[in-house]
Amino acid sequence: MAKKKKRWEGIVYSTDPDFEGGYEAEDTVETLPPSKQTLKIHLDRLKGNKLLTRVDNFKGSDEDLKDLGKQLKQLCGCGGSTKNGQILLQGSFRDKVAIKLQSLGYKTKMVGG
């Protein structure tokens, strides 16, 4: 699922004739299957009485998190962002998000409110 990314070691030039620089493999996070994840769905109130739906506790790669966030944003027809294992959706969509996540095989838990 997760692709191996390569990262440059940071050495630009070396006078050592035996130097073998280049790329080193970066550690990647494997995404747990949906049936083994319990996602927590929060409803937060921001400044100006605006509401924010937050989905926490995602265990997996950033690419899979972005894909799931994109599906949820399209479902709700709203804006939002994904980072640090969280999906942020602008608006109050707890019930709609919970139904979608359960249909994808995730366990969900409503937190707060």
PDB file of N, CA and C in Angstrom:
ATOM      1  N   MET A   1       0.807  -1.185   0.000  1.00  0.00           N
ATOM      2  CA  MET A   1       0.000   0.000   0.000  1.00  0.00           C
ATOM      3  C   MET A   1       0.858   1.259   0.000  1.00  0.00           C
ATOM      4  N   ALA A   2       1.723   1.400   0.992  1.00  0.00           N
ATOM      5  CA  ALA A   2       2.542   2.603   1.076  1.00  0.00           C
ATOM      6  C   ALA A   2       3.790   2.424   0.229  1.00  0.00           C
ATOM      7  N   LYS A   3       4.139   3.450  -0.508  1.00  0.00           N
ATOM      8  CA  LYS A   3       5.311   3.394  -1.361  1.00  0.00           C
ATOM      9  C   LYS A   3       6.538   3.803  -0.559  1.00  0.00           C
ATOM     10  N   LYS A   4       7.677   3.237  -0.926  1.00  0.00           N
ATOM     11  CA  LYS A   4       8.922   3.618  -0.299  1.00  0.00           C
ATOM     12  C   LYS A   4       9.429   4.895  -0.949  1.00  0.00           C
ATOM     13  N   LYS A   5       9.664   5.901  -0.130  1.00  0.00           N
ATOM     14  CA  LYS A   5      10.206   7.155  -0.630  1.00  0.00           C
ATOM     15  C   LYS A   5      11.702   7.168  -0.370  1.00  0.00           C
ATOM     16  N   LYS A   6      12.422   7.862  -1.223  1.00  0.00           N
ATOM     17  CA  LYS A   6      13.851   7.992  -1.024  1.00  0.00           C
ATOM     18  C   LYS A   6      14.149   9.414  -0.567  1.00  0.00           C
ATOM     19  N   ARG A   7      15.151   9.536   0.291  1.00  0.00           N
ATOM     20  CA  ARG A   7      15.511  10.821   0.849  1.00  0.00           C
ATOM     21  C   ARG A   7      17.001  11.033   0.623  1.00  0.00           C
ATOM     22  N   TRP A   8      17.388  12.233   0.210  1.00  0.00           N
ATOM     23  CA  TRP A   8      18.778  12.556  -0.025  1.00  0.00           C
ATOM     24  C   TRP A   8      19.485  12.680   1.307  1.00  0.00           C
ATOM     25  N   GLU A   9      20.721  12.156   1.399  1.00  0.00           N
ATOM     26  CA  GLU A   9      21.460  12.153   2.651  1.00  0.00           C
ATOM     27  C   GLU A   9      21.902  13.542   3.085  1.00  0.00           C
ATOM     28  N   GLY A  10      21.992  14.495   2.181  1.00  0.00           N
ATOM     29  CA  GLY A  10      22.363  15.847   2.563  1.00  0.00           C
ATOM     30  C   GLY A  10      23.800  16.205   2.209  1.00  0.00           C
ATOM     31  N   ILE A  11      24.592  15.269   1.726  1.00  0.00           N
ATOM     32  CA  ILE A  11      25.970  15.559   1.349  1.00  0.00           C
ATOM     33  C   ILE A  11      25.988  15.954  -0.114  1.00  0.00           C
ATOM     34  N   VAL A  12      26.540  17.137  -0.384  1.00  0.00           N
ATOM     35  CA  VAL A  12      26.547  17.650  -1.742  1.00  0.00           C
ATOM     36  C   VAL A  12      27.821  17.259  -2.477  1.00  0.00           C
ATOM     37  N   TYR A  13      28.965  17.326  -1.777  1.00  0.00           N
ATOM     38  CA  TYR A  13      30.235  17.064  -2.428  1.00  0.00           C
ATOM     39  C   TYR A  13      31.192  16.448  -1.430  1.00  0.00           C
ATOM     40  N   SER A  14      31.993  15.491  -1.895  1.00  0.00           N
ATOM     41  CA  SER A  14      32.991  14.879  -1.024  1.00  0.00           C
ATOM     42  C   SER A  14      34.282  14.683  -1.799  1.00  0.00           C
ATOM     43  N   THR A  15      35.409  14.906  -1.122  1.00  0.00           N
ATOM     44  CA  THR A  15      36.718  14.694  -1.750  1.00  0.00           C
ATOM     45  C   THR A  15      37.212  13.271  -1.531  1.00  0.00           C
ATOM     46  N   ASP A  16      36.510  12.480  -0.768  1.00  0.00           N
ATOM     47  CA  ASP A  16      36.871  11.096  -0.500  1.00  0.00           C
ATOM     48  C   ASP A  16      36.635  10.256  -1.752  1.00  0.00           C
ATOM     49  N   PRO A  17      37.678   9.598  -2.297  1.00  0.00           N
ATOM     50  CA  PRO A  17      37.492   8.806  -3.517  1.00  0.00           C
ATOM     51  C   PRO A  17      36.631   7.547  -3.296  1.00  0.00           C
ATOM     52  N   ASP A  18      36.517   7.069  -2.053  1.00  0.00           N
ATOM     53  CA  ASP A  18      35.739   5.870  -1.763  1.00  0.00           C
ATOM     54  C   ASP A  18      34.314   6.196  -1.301  1.00  0.00           C
ATOM     55  N   PHE A  19      33.910   7.456  -1.392  1.00  0.00           N
ATOM     56  CA  PHE A  19      32.586   7.878  -0.918  1.00  0.00           C
ATOM     57  C   PHE A  19      31.490   7.335  -1.828  1.00  0.00           C
ATOM     58  N   GLU A  20      30.494   6.718  -1.227  1.00  0.00           N
ATOM     59  CA  GLU A  20      29.348   6.209  -1.970  1.00  0.00           C
ATOM     60  C   GLU A  20      28.088   6.857  -1.409  1.00  0.00           C
ATOM     61  N   GLY A  21      27.859   8.079  -1.778  1.00  0.00           N
ATOM     62  CA  GLY A  21      26.697   8.813  -1.289  1.00  0.00           C
ATOM     63  C   GLY A  21      25.486   8.546  -2.150  1.00  0.00           C
ATOM     64  N   GLY A  22      24.451   9.232  -1.843  1.00  0.00           N
ATOM     65  CA  GLY A  22      23.248   9.084  -2.640  1.00  0.00           C
ATOM     66  C   GLY A  22      22.014   9.111  -1.779  1.00  0.00           C
ATOM     67  N   TYR A  23      21.101   8.267  -2.135  1.00  0.00           N
ATOM     68  CA  TYR A  23      19.800   8.252  -1.469  1.00  0.00           C
ATOM     69  C   TYR A  23      19.750   7.138  -0.439  1.00  0.00           C
ATOM     70  N   GLU A  24      19.002   7.391   0.612  1.00  0.00           N
ATOM     71  CA  GLU A  24      18.719   6.339   1.576  1.00  0.00           C
ATOM     72  C   GLU A  24      17.208   6.172   1.654  1.00  0.00           C
ATOM     73  N   ALA A  25      16.775   4.957   1.907  1.00  0.00           N
ATOM     74  CA  ALA A  25      15.332   4.689   1.950  1.00  0.00           C
ATOM     75  C   ALA A  25      14.730   5.290   3.208  1.00  0.00           C
ATOM     76  N   GLU A  26      13.568   5.884   3.059  1.00  0.00           N
ATOM     77  CA  GLU A  26      12.864   6.486   4.188  1.00  0.00           C
ATOM     78  C   GLU A  26      11.876   5.472   4.750  1.00  0.00           C
ATOM     79  N   ASP A  27      11.709   5.466   6.062  1.00  0.00           N
ATOM     80  CA  ASP A  27      10.750   4.543   6.672  1.00  0.00           C
ATOM     81  C   ASP A  27       9.333   4.976   6.317  1.00  0.00           C
ATOM     82  N   THR A  28       8.509   4.019   5.953  1.00  0.00           N
ATOM     83  CA  THR A  28       7.129   4.329   5.608  1.00  0.00           C
ATOM     84  C   THR A  28       6.196   3.646   6.601  1.00  0.00           C
ATOM     85  N   VAL A  29       5.042   4.215   6.758  1.00  0.00           N
ATOM     86  CA  VAL A  29       4.043   3.689   7.674  1.00  0.00           C
ATOM     87  C   VAL A  29       3.050   2.865   6.872  1.00  0.00           C
ATOM     88  N   GLU A  30       2.819   1.643   7.313  1.00  0.00           N
ATOM     89  CA  GLU A  30       1.826   0.796   6.658  1.00  0.00           C
ATOM     90  C   GLU A  30       0.446   1.153   7.197  1.00  0.00           C
ATOM     91  N   THR A  31      -0.517   1.204   6.310  1.00  0.00           N
ATOM     92  CA  THR A  31      -1.878   1.532   6.702  1.00  0.00           C
ATOM     93  C   THR A  31      -2.578   0.283   7.222  1.00  0.00           C
ATOM     94  N   LEU A  32      -3.160   0.414   8.419  1.00  0.00           N
ATOM     95  CA  LEU A  32      -3.923  -0.702   8.977  1.00  0.00           C
ATOM     96  C   LEU A  32      -5.203  -0.891   8.173  1.00  0.00           C
ATOM     97  N   PRO A  33      -5.704  -2.116   8.065  1.00  0.00           N
ATOM     98  CA  PRO A  33      -6.978  -2.324   7.366  1.00  0.00           C
ATOM     99  C   PRO A  33      -8.111  -1.627   8.128  1.00  0.00           C
ATOM    100  N   PRO A  34      -9.147  -1.196   7.417  1.00  0.00           N
ATOM    101  CA  PRO A  34     -10.244  -0.465   8.066  1.00  0.00           C
ATOM    102  C   PRO A  34     -10.891  -1.205   9.235  1.00  0.00           C
ATOM    103  N   SER A  35     -10.964  -2.518   9.163  1.00  0.00           N
ATOM    104  CA  SER A  35     -11.629  -3.270  10.233  1.00  0.00           C
ATOM    105  C   SER A  35     -10.851  -3.211  11.551  1.00  0.00           C
ATOM    106  N   LYS A  36      -9.570  -2.839  11.512  1.00  0.00           N
ATOM    107  CA  LYS A  36      -8.752  -2.774  12.728  1.00  0.00           C
ATOM    108  C   LYS A  36      -8.566  -1.348  13.239  1.00  0.00           C
ATOM    109  N   GLN A  37      -9.283  -0.389  12.646  1.00  0.00           N
ATOM    110  CA  GLN A  37      -9.157   0.999  13.070  1.00  0.00           C
ATOM    111  C   GLN A  37     -10.469   1.505  13.648  1.00  0.00           C
ATOM    112  N   THR A  38     -10.368   2.236  14.742  1.00  0.00           N
ATOM    113  CA  THR A  38     -11.524   2.907  15.327  1.00  0.00           C
ATOM    114  C   THR A  38     -11.293   4.405  15.199  1.00  0.00           C
ATOM    115  N   LEU A  39     -12.071   5.060  14.346  1.00  0.00           N
ATOM    116  CA  LEU A  39     -11.914   6.493  14.113  1.00  0.00           C
ATOM    117  C   LEU A  39     -12.866   7.262  15.019  1.00  0.00           C
ATOM    118  N   LYS A  40     -12.352   8.315  15.648  1.00  0.00           N
ATOM    119  CA  LYS A  40     -13.151   9.138  16.544  1.00  0.00           C
ATOM    120  C   LYS A  40     -13.618  10.375  15.792  1.00  0.00           C
ATOM    121  N   ILE A  41     -14.910  10.673  15.885  1.00  0.00           N
ATOM    122  CA  ILE A  41     -15.490  11.799  15.165  1.00  0.00           C
ATOM    123  C   ILE A  41     -15.901  12.867  16.178  1.00  0.00           C
ATOM    124  N   HIS A  42     -15.281  14.040  16.073  1.00  0.00           N
ATOM    125  CA  HIS A  42     -15.530  15.154  16.983  1.00  0.00           C
ATOM    126  C   HIS A  42     -16.304  16.244  16.253  1.00  0.00           C
ATOM    127  N   LEU A  43     -16.996  17.074  17.022  1.00  0.00           N
ATOM    128  CA  LEU A  43     -17.628  18.282  16.490  1.00  0.00           C
ATOM    129  C   LEU A  43     -17.100  19.437  17.330  1.00  0.00           C
ATOM    130  N   ASP A  44     -16.292  20.300  16.711  1.00  0.00           N
ATOM    131  CA  ASP A  44     -15.673  21.418  17.413  1.00  0.00           C
ATOM    132  C   ASP A  44     -16.331  22.723  16.999  1.00  0.00           C
ATOM    133  N   ARG A  45     -16.383  23.661  17.933  1.00  0.00           N
ATOM    134  CA  ARG A  45     -16.905  24.998  17.650  1.00  0.00           C
ATOM    135  C   ARG A  45     -15.723  25.954  17.619  1.00  0.00           C
ATOM    136  N   LEU A  46     -15.596  26.700  16.526  1.00  0.00           N
ATOM    137  CA  LEU A  46     -14.502  27.648  16.352  1.00  0.00           C
ATOM    138  C   LEU A  46     -14.989  29.070  16.600  1.00  0.00           C
ATOM    139  N   LYS A  47     -14.077  30.034  16.399  1.00  0.00           N
ATOM    140  CA  LYS A  47     -14.456  31.440  16.533  1.00  0.00           C
ATOM    141  C   LYS A  47     -15.563  31.789  15.557  1.00  0.00           C
ATOM    142  N   GLY A  48     -16.420  32.686  15.940  1.00  0.00           N
ATOM    143  CA  GLY A  48     -17.500  33.099  15.064  1.00  0.00           C
ATOM    144  C   GLY A  48     -18.614  32.079  14.970  1.00  0.00           C
ATOM    145  N   ASN A  49     -18.694  31.175  15.961  1.00  0.00           N
ATOM    146  CA  ASN A  49     -19.744  30.154  15.999  1.00  0.00           C
ATOM    147  C   ASN A  49     -19.703  29.195  14.803  1.00  0.00           C
ATOM    148  N   LYS A  50     -18.536  29.003  14.206  1.00  0.00           N
ATOM    149  CA  LYS A  50     -18.401  28.078  13.075  1.00  0.00           C
ATOM    150  C   LYS A  50     -18.157  26.671  13.613  1.00  0.00           C
ATOM    151  N   LEU A  51     -18.639  25.677  12.885  1.00  0.00           N
ATOM    152  CA  LEU A  51     -18.498  24.289  13.303  1.00  0.00           C
ATOM    153  C   LEU A  51     -17.459  23.568  12.446  1.00  0.00           C
ATOM    154  N   LEU A  52     -16.778  22.618  13.065  1.00  0.00           N
ATOM    155  CA  LEU A  52     -15.733  21.847  12.398  1.00  0.00           C
ATOM    156  C   LEU A  52     -15.903  20.384  12.786  1.00  0.00           C
ATOM    157  N   THR A  53     -15.993  19.515  11.791  1.00  0.00           N
ATOM    158  CA  THR A  53     -16.041  18.071  12.037  1.00  0.00           C
ATOM    159  C   THR A  53     -14.621  17.546  11.915  1.00  0.00           C
ATOM    160  N   ARG A  54     -14.149  16.862  12.979  1.00  0.00           N
ATOM    161  CA  ARG A  54     -12.774  16.373  13.007  1.00  0.00           C
ATOM    162  C   ARG A  54     -12.789  14.855  13.165  1.00  0.00           C
ATOM    163  N   VAL A  55     -12.062  14.158  12.303  1.00  0.00           N
ATOM    164  CA  VAL A  55     -11.936  12.700  12.376  1.00  0.00           C
ATOM    165  C   VAL A  55     -10.501  12.405  12.811  1.00  0.00           C
ATOM    166  N   ASP A  56     -10.356  11.775  13.973  1.00  0.00           N
ATOM    167  CA  ASP A  56      -9.046  11.487  14.567  1.00  0.00           C
ATOM    168  C   ASP A  56      -8.742  10.002  14.539  1.00  0.00           C
ATOM    169  N   ASN A  57      -7.476   9.701  14.901  1.00  0.00           N
ATOM    170  CA  ASN A  57      -7.040   8.335  15.181  1.00  0.00           C
ATOM    171  C   ASN A  57      -6.816   7.493  13.936  1.00  0.00           C
ATOM    172  N   PHE A  58      -6.544   8.093  12.788  1.00  0.00           N
ATOM    173  CA  PHE A  58      -6.254   7.324  11.574  1.00  0.00           C
ATOM    174  C   PHE A  58      -4.828   6.817  11.652  1.00  0.00           C
ATOM    175  N   LYS A  59      -4.634   5.540  11.454  1.00  0.00           N
ATOM    176  CA  LYS A  59      -3.307   4.917  11.483  1.00  0.00           C
ATOM    177  C   LYS A  59      -2.945   4.495  10.068  1.00  0.00           C
ATOM    178  N   GLY A  60      -2.014   5.210   9.456  1.00  0.00           N
ATOM    179  CA  GLY A  60      -1.615   4.842   8.111  1.00  0.00           C
ATOM    180  C   GLY A  60      -0.795   5.920   7.436  1.00  0.00           C
ATOM    181  N   SER A  61      -0.576   5.732   6.144  1.00  0.00           N
ATOM    182  CA  SER A  61       0.258   6.651   5.383  1.00  0.00           C
ATOM    183  C   SER A  61      -0.498   7.941   5.075  1.00  0.00           C
ATOM    184  N   ASP A  62       0.251   8.993   4.768  1.00  0.00           N
ATOM    185  CA  ASP A  62      -0.341  10.288   4.439  1.00  0.00           C
ATOM    186  C   ASP A  62      -1.167  10.214   3.155  1.00  0.00           C
ATOM    187  N   GLU A  63      -0.733   9.388   2.200  1.00  0.00           N
ATOM    188  CA  GLU A  63      -1.467   9.256   0.937  1.00  0.00           C
ATOM    189  C   GLU A  63      -2.855   8.659   1.175  1.00  0.00           C
ATOM    190  N   ASP A  64      -2.926   7.623   2.014  1.00  0.00           N
ATOM    191  CA  ASP A  64      -4.219   7.006   2.306  1.00  0.00           C
ATOM    192  C   ASP A  64      -5.118   7.956   3.089  1.00  0.00           C
ATOM    193  N   LEU A  65      -4.508   8.756   3.975  1.00  0.00           N
ATOM    194  CA  LEU A  65      -5.272   9.754   4.722  1.00  0.00           C
ATOM    195  C   LEU A  65      -5.853  10.807   3.781  1.00  0.00           C
ATOM    196  N   LYS A  66      -5.050  11.256   2.818  1.00  0.00           N
ATOM    197  CA  LYS A  66      -5.535  12.253   1.854  1.00  0.00           C
ATOM    198  C   LYS A  66      -6.654  11.683   0.990  1.00  0.00           C
ATOM    199  N   ASP A  67      -6.533  10.419   0.589  1.00  0.00           N
ATOM    200  CA  ASP A  67      -7.586   9.788  -0.217  1.00  0.00           C
ATOM    201  C   ASP A  67      -8.903   9.706   0.557  1.00  0.00           C
ATOM    202  N   LEU A  68      -8.822   9.297   1.832  1.00  0.00           N
ATOM    203  CA  LEU A  68     -10.028   9.209   2.651  1.00  0.00           C
ATOM    204  C   LEU A  68     -10.618  10.600   2.883  1.00  0.00           C
ATOM    205  N   GLY A  69      -9.764  11.578   3.130  1.00  0.00           N
ATOM    206  CA  GLY A  69     -10.235  12.946   3.318  1.00  0.00           C
ATOM    207  C   GLY A  69     -10.914  13.490   2.078  1.00  0.00           C
ATOM    208  N   LYS A  70     -10.374  13.163   0.920  1.00  0.00           N
ATOM    209  CA  LYS A  70     -10.980  13.616  -0.333  1.00  0.00           C
ATOM    210  C   LYS A  70     -12.369  13.008  -0.516  1.00  0.00           C
ATOM    211  N   GLN A  71     -12.515  11.721  -0.205  1.00  0.00           N
ATOM    212  CA  GLN A  71     -13.829  11.066  -0.310  1.00  0.00           C
ATOM    213  C   GLN A  71     -14.850  11.732   0.606  1.00  0.00           C
ATOM    214  N   LEU A  72     -14.428  12.042   1.836  1.00  0.00           N
ATOM    215  CA  LEU A  72     -15.353  12.649   2.802  1.00  0.00           C
ATOM    216  C   LEU A  72     -15.713  14.077   2.401  1.00  0.00           C
ATOM    217  N   LYS A  73     -14.755  14.830   1.887  1.00  0.00           N
ATOM    218  CA  LYS A  73     -15.038  16.204   1.450  1.00  0.00           C
ATOM    219  C   LYS A  73     -15.998  16.208   0.269  1.00  0.00           C
ATOM    220  N   GLN A  74     -15.836  15.262  -0.651  1.00  0.00           N
ATOM    221  CA  GLN A  74     -16.743  15.176  -1.794  1.00  0.00           C
ATOM    222  C   GLN A  74     -18.144  14.767  -1.342  1.00  0.00           C
ATOM    223  N   LEU A  75     -18.222  13.844  -0.383  1.00  0.00           N
ATOM    224  CA  LEU A  75     -19.510  13.404   0.132  1.00  0.00           C
ATOM    225  C   LEU A  75     -20.273  14.563   0.780  1.00  0.00           C
ATOM    226  N   CYS A  76     -19.568  15.354   1.575  1.00  0.00           N
ATOM    227  CA  CYS A  76     -20.213  16.439   2.320  1.00  0.00           C
ATOM    228  C   CYS A  76     -20.319  17.724   1.508  1.00  0.00           C
ATOM    229  N   GLY A  77     -19.578  17.836   0.431  1.00  0.00           N
ATOM    230  CA  GLY A  77     -19.604  19.050  -0.371  1.00  0.00           C
ATOM    231  C   GLY A  77     -19.043  20.238   0.383  1.00  0.00           C
ATOM    232  N   CYS A  78     -17.923  20.018   1.062  1.00  0.00           N
ATOM    233  CA  CYS A  78     -17.338  21.080   1.874  1.00  0.00           C
ATOM    234  C   CYS A  78     -15.824  21.100   1.690  1.00  0.00           C
ATOM    235  N   GLY A  79     -15.196  22.085   2.284  1.00  0.00           N
ATOM    236  CA  GLY A  79     -13.745  22.191   2.273  1.00  0.00           C
ATOM    237  C   GLY A  79     -13.174  21.535   3.511  1.00  0.00           C
ATOM    238  N   GLY A  80     -11.872  21.439   3.540  1.00  0.00           N
ATOM    239  CA  GLY A  80     -11.229  20.858   4.705  1.00  0.00           C
ATOM    240  C   GLY A  80      -9.777  20.558   4.423  1.00  0.00           C
ATOM    241  N   SER A  81      -9.137  19.858   5.349  1.00  0.00           N
ATOM    242  CA  SER A  81      -7.733  19.513   5.182  1.00  0.00           C
ATOM    243  C   SER A  81      -7.446  18.185   5.884  1.00  0.00           C
ATOM    244  N   THR A  82      -6.264  17.640   5.583  1.00  0.00           N
ATOM    245  CA  THR A  82      -5.818  16.394   6.202  1.00  0.00           C
ATOM    246  C   THR A  82      -4.378  16.563   6.637  1.00  0.00           C
ATOM    247  N   LYS A  83      -4.091  16.210   7.894  1.00  0.00           N
ATOM    248  CA  LYS A  83      -2.718  16.233   8.378  1.00  0.00           C
ATOM    249  C   LYS A  83      -2.634  15.561   9.741  1.00  0.00           C
ATOM    250  N   ASN A  84      -1.478  15.022  10.053  1.00  0.00           N
ATOM    251  CA  ASN A  84      -1.189  14.413  11.351  1.00  0.00           C
ATOM    252  C   ASN A  84      -2.234  13.398  11.795  1.00  0.00           C
ATOM    253  N   GLY A  85      -2.723  12.583  10.873  1.00  0.00           N
ATOM    254  CA  GLY A  85      -3.698  11.562  11.227  1.00  0.00           C
ATOM    255  C   GLY A  85      -5.092  12.103  11.487  1.00  0.00           C
ATOM    256  N   GLN A  86      -5.359  13.358  11.078  1.00  0.00           N
ATOM    257  CA  GLN A  86      -6.667  13.972  11.278  1.00  0.00           C
ATOM    258  C   GLN A  86      -7.247  14.410   9.947  1.00  0.00           C
ATOM    259  N   ILE A  87      -8.567  14.356   9.865  1.00  0.00           N
ATOM    260  CA  ILE A  87      -9.296  14.911   8.727  1.00  0.00           C
ATOM    261  C   ILE A  87     -10.190  16.010   9.284  1.00  0.00           C
ATOM    262  N   LEU A  88     -10.057  17.223   8.758  1.00  0.00           N
ATOM    263  CA  LEU A  88     -10.843  18.363   9.208  1.00  0.00           C
ATOM    264  C   LEU A  88     -11.821  18.742   8.111  1.00  0.00           C
ATOM    265  N   LEU A  89     -13.106  18.811   8.456  1.00  0.00           N
ATOM    266  CA  LEU A  89     -14.159  19.167   7.507  1.00  0.00           C
ATOM    267  C   LEU A  89     -14.873  20.414   8.014  1.00  0.00           C
ATOM    268  N   GLN A  90     -15.076  21.383   7.138  1.00  0.00           N
ATOM    269  CA  GLN A  90     -15.718  22.632   7.522  1.00  0.00           C
ATOM    270  C   GLN A  90     -17.230  22.453   7.552  1.00  0.00           C
ATOM    271  N   GLY A  91     -17.789  22.387   8.754  1.00  0.00           N
ATOM    272  CA  GLY A  91     -19.229  22.238   8.896  1.00  0.00           C
ATOM    273  C   GLY A  91     -19.581  21.103   9.845  1.00  0.00           C
ATOM    274  N   SER A  92     -20.863  20.902  10.066  1.00  0.00           N
ATOM    275  CA  SER A  92     -21.363  19.869  10.970  1.00  0.00           C
ATOM    276  C   SER A  92     -21.850  18.670  10.147  1.00  0.00           C
ATOM    277  N   PHE A  93     -21.000  17.631  10.054  1.00  0.00           N
ATOM    278  CA  PHE A  93     -21.312  16.468   9.229  1.00  0.00           C
ATOM    279  C   PHE A  93     -21.049  15.155   9.965  1.00  0.00           C
ATOM    280  N   ARG A  94     -21.194  15.136  11.295  1.00  0.00           N
ATOM    281  CA  ARG A  94     -20.848  13.938  12.067  1.00  0.00           C
ATOM    282  C   ARG A  94     -21.616  12.703  11.631  1.00  0.00           C
ATOM    283  N   ASP A  95     -22.919  12.820  11.496  1.00  0.00           N
ATOM    284  CA  ASP A  95     -23.734  11.641  11.159  1.00  0.00           C
ATOM    285  C   ASP A  95     -23.421  11.130   9.756  1.00  0.00           C
ATOM    286  N   LYS A  96     -23.307  12.038   8.815  1.00  0.00           N
ATOM    287  CA  LYS A  96     -23.030  11.671   7.418  1.00  0.00           C
ATOM    288  C   LYS A  96     -21.660  10.994   7.302  1.00  0.00           C
ATOM    289  N   VAL A  97     -20.662  11.545   8.015  1.00  0.00           N
ATOM    290  CA  VAL A  97     -19.305  10.989   7.985  1.00  0.00           C
ATOM    291  C   VAL A  97     -19.283   9.612   8.643  1.00  0.00           C
ATOM    292  N   ALA A  98     -20.002   9.456   9.761  1.00  0.00           N
ATOM    293  CA  ALA A  98     -20.031   8.166  10.463  1.00  0.00           C
ATOM    294  C   ALA A  98     -20.620   7.073   9.577  1.00  0.00           C
ATOM    295  N   ILE A  99     -21.693   7.384   8.875  1.00  0.00           N
ATOM    296  CA  ILE A  99     -22.320   6.392   7.990  1.00  0.00           C
ATOM    297  C   ILE A  99     -21.376   5.991   6.862  1.00  0.00           C
ATOM    298  N   LYS A 100     -20.692   6.968   6.273  1.00  0.00           N
ATOM    299  CA  LYS A 100     -19.761   6.684   5.172  1.00  0.00           C
ATOM    300  C   LYS A 100     -18.586   5.837   5.662  1.00  0.00           C
ATOM    301  N   LEU A 101     -18.009   6.203   6.815  1.00  0.00           N
ATOM    302  CA  LEU A 101     -16.866   5.450   7.333  1.00  0.00           C
ATOM    303  C   LEU A 101     -17.259   4.016   7.681  1.00  0.00           C
ATOM    304  N   GLN A 102     -18.452   3.830   8.233  1.00  0.00           N
ATOM    305  CA  GLN A 102     -18.908   2.477   8.556  1.00  0.00           C
ATOM    306  C   GLN A 102     -19.131   1.657   7.293  1.00  0.00           C
ATOM    307  N   SER A 103     -19.609   2.311   6.216  1.00  0.00           N
ATOM    308  CA  SER A 103     -19.784   1.578   4.957  1.00  0.00           C
ATOM    309  C   SER A 103     -18.447   1.183   4.341  1.00  0.00           C
ATOM    310  N   LEU A 104     -17.372   1.936   4.664  1.00  0.00           N
ATOM    311  CA  LEU A 104     -16.036   1.600   4.180  1.00  0.00           C
ATOM    312  C   LEU A 104     -15.353   0.546   5.066  1.00  0.00           C
ATOM    313  N   GLY A 105     -15.982   0.189   6.186  1.00  0.00           N
ATOM    314  CA  GLY A 105     -15.446  -0.864   7.050  1.00  0.00           C
ATOM    315  C   GLY A 105     -14.765  -0.366   8.305  1.00  0.00           C
ATOM    316  N   TYR A 106     -14.733   0.942   8.537  1.00  0.00           N
ATOM    317  CA  TYR A 106     -14.105   1.489   9.752  1.00  0.00           C
ATOM    318  C   TYR A 106     -15.086   1.411  10.907  1.00  0.00           C
ATOM    319  N   LYS A 107     -14.541   1.247  12.118  1.00  0.00           N
ATOM    320  CA  LYS A 107     -15.346   1.361  13.331  1.00  0.00           C
ATOM    321  C   LYS A 107     -15.312   2.841  13.698  1.00  0.00           C
ATOM    322  N   THR A 108     -16.434   3.398  14.133  1.00  0.00           N
ATOM    323  CA  THR A 108     -16.478   4.817  14.477  1.00  0.00           C
ATOM    324  C   THR A 108     -16.977   5.004  15.894  1.00  0.00           C
ATOM    325  N   LYS A 109     -16.564   6.131  16.475  1.00  0.00           N
ATOM    326  CA  LYS A 109     -16.998   6.487  17.812  1.00  0.00           C
ATOM    327  C   LYS A 109     -17.240   7.989  17.832  1.00  0.00           C
ATOM    328  N   MET A 110     -18.457   8.407  18.238  1.00  0.00           N
ATOM    329  CA  MET A 110     -18.781   9.819  18.383  1.00  0.00           C
ATOM    330  C   MET A 110     -18.209  10.313  19.703  1.00  0.00           C
ATOM    331  N   VAL A 111     -17.469  11.413  19.661  1.00  0.00           N
ATOM    332  CA  VAL A 111     -16.828  11.938  20.859  1.00  0.00           C
ATOM    333  C   VAL A 111     -17.306  13.355  21.104  1.00  0.00           C
ATOM    334  N   GLY A 112     -17.691  13.672  22.328  1.00  0.00           N
ATOM    335  CA  GLY A 112     -18.114  15.017  22.694  1.00  0.00           C
ATOM    336  C   GLY A 112     -19.491  15.353  22.161  1.00  0.00           C
ATOM    337  N   GLY A 113     -19.971  16.545  22.530  1.00  0.00           N
ATOM    338  CA  GLY A 113     -21.218  17.104  22.039  1.00  0.00           C
ATOM    339  C   GLY A 113     -22.352  16.181  22.143  1.00  0.00           C
TER     340      GLY A 113
END
